[in-house]
Amino acid sequence: MILGLQILLMLTSVLLVILILLHRGKGGGLSDMFGGSVTSSLGGSARAERNLDRITIYLALIWVAVVVALGLLVAA
């Protein structure tokens, strides 16, 4: 059980880092470095940004739940 949660924690951590780096920057950030001009030319970017926000929030909630579960299991 603990091993499964540790693997899930690692996966969600890596995915969170990737999703956060994909967010549109306010200028000069990592998102501009990795193709900022490409994303600015796409149509419908507001919808994509909103969906990216939702996915990031849900993944962060899963990450928090896994951290709490691991803490409870290790403490017991």
C-alpha atoms as a PDB file:
ATOM      1  CA  MET A   1       0.000   0.000   0.000  1.00  0.00           C
ATOM      2  CA  ILE A   2       2.760   2.415   0.956  1.00  0.00           C
ATOM      3  CA  LEU A   3       4.775   1.536  -2.144  1.00  0.00           C
ATOM      4  CA  GLY A   4       1.774   2.201  -4.373  1.00  0.00           C
ATOM      5  CA  LEU A   5       1.186   5.581  -2.764  1.00  0.00           C
ATOM      6  CA  GLN A   6       4.869   6.473  -3.095  1.00  0.00           C
ATOM      7  CA  ILE A   7       4.771   5.667  -6.808  1.00  0.00           C
ATOM      8  CA  LEU A   8       1.577   7.705  -7.206  1.00  0.00           C
ATOM      9  CA  LEU A   9       3.238  10.577  -5.342  1.00  0.00           C
ATOM     10  CA  MET A  10       6.224  10.526  -7.683  1.00  0.00           C
ATOM     11  CA  LEU A  11       4.007  10.448 -10.781  1.00  0.00           C
ATOM     12  CA  THR A  12       1.779  13.272  -9.615  1.00  0.00           C
ATOM     13  CA  SER A  13       4.809  15.336  -8.598  1.00  0.00           C
ATOM     14  CA  VAL A  14       6.385  15.043 -12.044  1.00  0.00           C
ATOM     15  CA  LEU A  15       3.065  15.772 -13.772  1.00  0.00           C
ATOM     16  CA  LEU A  16       2.503  18.821 -11.572  1.00  0.00           C
ATOM     17  CA  VAL A  17       5.901  20.237 -12.472  1.00  0.00           C
ATOM     18  CA  ILE A  18       5.205  19.709 -16.178  1.00  0.00           C
ATOM     19  CA  LEU A  19       1.718  21.233 -15.984  1.00  0.00           C
ATOM     20  CA  ILE A  20       2.917  24.262 -14.041  1.00  0.00           C
ATOM     21  CA  LEU A  21       5.657  24.875 -16.595  1.00  0.00           C
ATOM     22  CA  LEU A  22       3.059  24.702 -19.383  1.00  0.00           C
ATOM     23  CA  HIS A  23       1.070  27.620 -17.965  1.00  0.00           C
ATOM     24  CA  ARG A  24       1.227  30.876 -19.827  1.00  0.00           C
ATOM     25  CA  GLY A  25       3.717  33.195 -18.247  1.00  0.00           C
ATOM     26  CA  LYS A  26       3.292  36.877 -17.561  1.00  0.00           C
ATOM     27  CA  GLY A  27       6.396  37.459 -19.658  1.00  0.00           C
ATOM     28  CA  GLY A  28       9.956  36.217 -19.685  1.00  0.00           C
ATOM     29  CA  GLY A  29       9.333  32.974 -17.823  1.00  0.00           C
ATOM     30  CA  LEU A  30      10.003  29.362 -18.715  1.00  0.00           C
ATOM     31  CA  SER A  31       6.796  29.129 -20.743  1.00  0.00           C
ATOM     32  CA  ASP A  32       8.154  31.819 -23.092  1.00  0.00           C
ATOM     33  CA  MET A  33      11.468  30.034 -23.339  1.00  0.00           C
ATOM     34  CA  PHE A  34       9.831  26.810 -24.529  1.00  0.00           C
ATOM     35  CA  GLY A  35       7.810  28.101 -27.461  1.00  0.00           C
ATOM     36  CA  GLY A  36       6.029  31.144 -26.125  1.00  0.00           C
ATOM     37  CA  SER A  37       5.628  32.525 -29.637  1.00  0.00           C
ATOM     38  CA  VAL A  38       3.968  29.309 -30.788  1.00  0.00           C
ATOM     39  CA  THR A  39       1.329  29.342 -28.062  1.00  0.00           C
ATOM     40  CA  SER A  40       0.503  33.008 -28.594  1.00  0.00           C
ATOM     41  CA  SER A  41      -0.466  32.348 -32.218  1.00  0.00           C
ATOM     42  CA  LEU A  42      -2.933  29.585 -31.378  1.00  0.00           C
ATOM     43  CA  GLY A  43      -6.627  30.388 -31.432  1.00  0.00           C
ATOM     44  CA  GLY A  44      -8.763  29.459 -28.436  1.00  0.00           C
ATOM     45  CA  SER A  45      -5.913  29.692 -25.984  1.00  0.00           C
ATOM     46  CA  ALA A  46      -8.232  30.971 -23.241  1.00  0.00           C
ATOM     47  CA  ARG A  47     -10.132  27.669 -23.233  1.00  0.00           C
ATOM     48  CA  ALA A  48      -6.903  25.668 -23.230  1.00  0.00           C
ATOM     49  CA  GLU A  49      -5.550  27.751 -20.347  1.00  0.00           C
ATOM     50  CA  ARG A  50      -8.766  27.213 -18.374  1.00  0.00           C
ATOM     51  CA  ASN A  51      -8.607  23.456 -18.940  1.00  0.00           C
ATOM     52  CA  LEU A  52      -4.942  23.442 -17.956  1.00  0.00           C
ATOM     53  CA  ASP A  53      -5.862  25.291 -14.748  1.00  0.00           C
ATOM     54  CA  ARG A  54      -8.549  22.730 -13.911  1.00  0.00           C
ATOM     55  CA  ILE A  55      -6.295  19.751 -14.583  1.00  0.00           C
ATOM     56  CA  THR A  56      -3.536  21.308 -12.465  1.00  0.00           C
ATOM     57  CA  ILE A  57      -5.914  21.959  -9.562  1.00  0.00           C
ATOM     58  CA  TYR A  58      -7.337  18.413  -9.634  1.00  0.00           C
ATOM     59  CA  LEU A  59      -3.856  16.923  -9.810  1.00  0.00           C
ATOM     60  CA  ALA A  60      -2.721  19.117  -6.910  1.00  0.00           C
ATOM     61  CA  LEU A  61      -5.676  17.895  -4.825  1.00  0.00           C
ATOM     62  CA  ILE A  62      -4.739  14.287  -5.591  1.00  0.00           C
ATOM     63  CA  TRP A  63      -1.125  15.086  -4.630  1.00  0.00           C
ATOM     64  CA  VAL A  64      -2.227  16.568  -1.285  1.00  0.00           C
ATOM     65  CA  ALA A  65      -4.467  13.563  -0.561  1.00  0.00           C
ATOM     66  CA  VAL A  66      -1.608  11.151  -1.289  1.00  0.00           C
ATOM     67  CA  VAL A  67       0.772  13.123   0.963  1.00  0.00           C
ATOM     68  CA  VAL A  68      -1.749  13.056   3.816  1.00  0.00           C
ATOM     69  CA  ALA A  69      -2.427   9.331   3.315  1.00  0.00           C
ATOM     70  CA  LEU A  70       1.271   8.538   3.311  1.00  0.00           C
ATOM     71  CA  GLY A  71       1.761  10.593   6.461  1.00  0.00           C
ATOM     72  CA  LEU A  72      -1.021   8.739   8.216  1.00  0.00           C
ATOM     73  CA  LEU A  73       0.247   5.337   7.128  1.00  0.00           C
ATOM     74  CA  VAL A  74       3.833   6.021   8.147  1.00  0.00           C
ATOM     75  CA  ALA A  75       2.779   7.434  11.523  1.00  0.00           C
ATOM     76  CA  ALA A  76       0.625   4.398  12.321  1.00  0.00           C
END
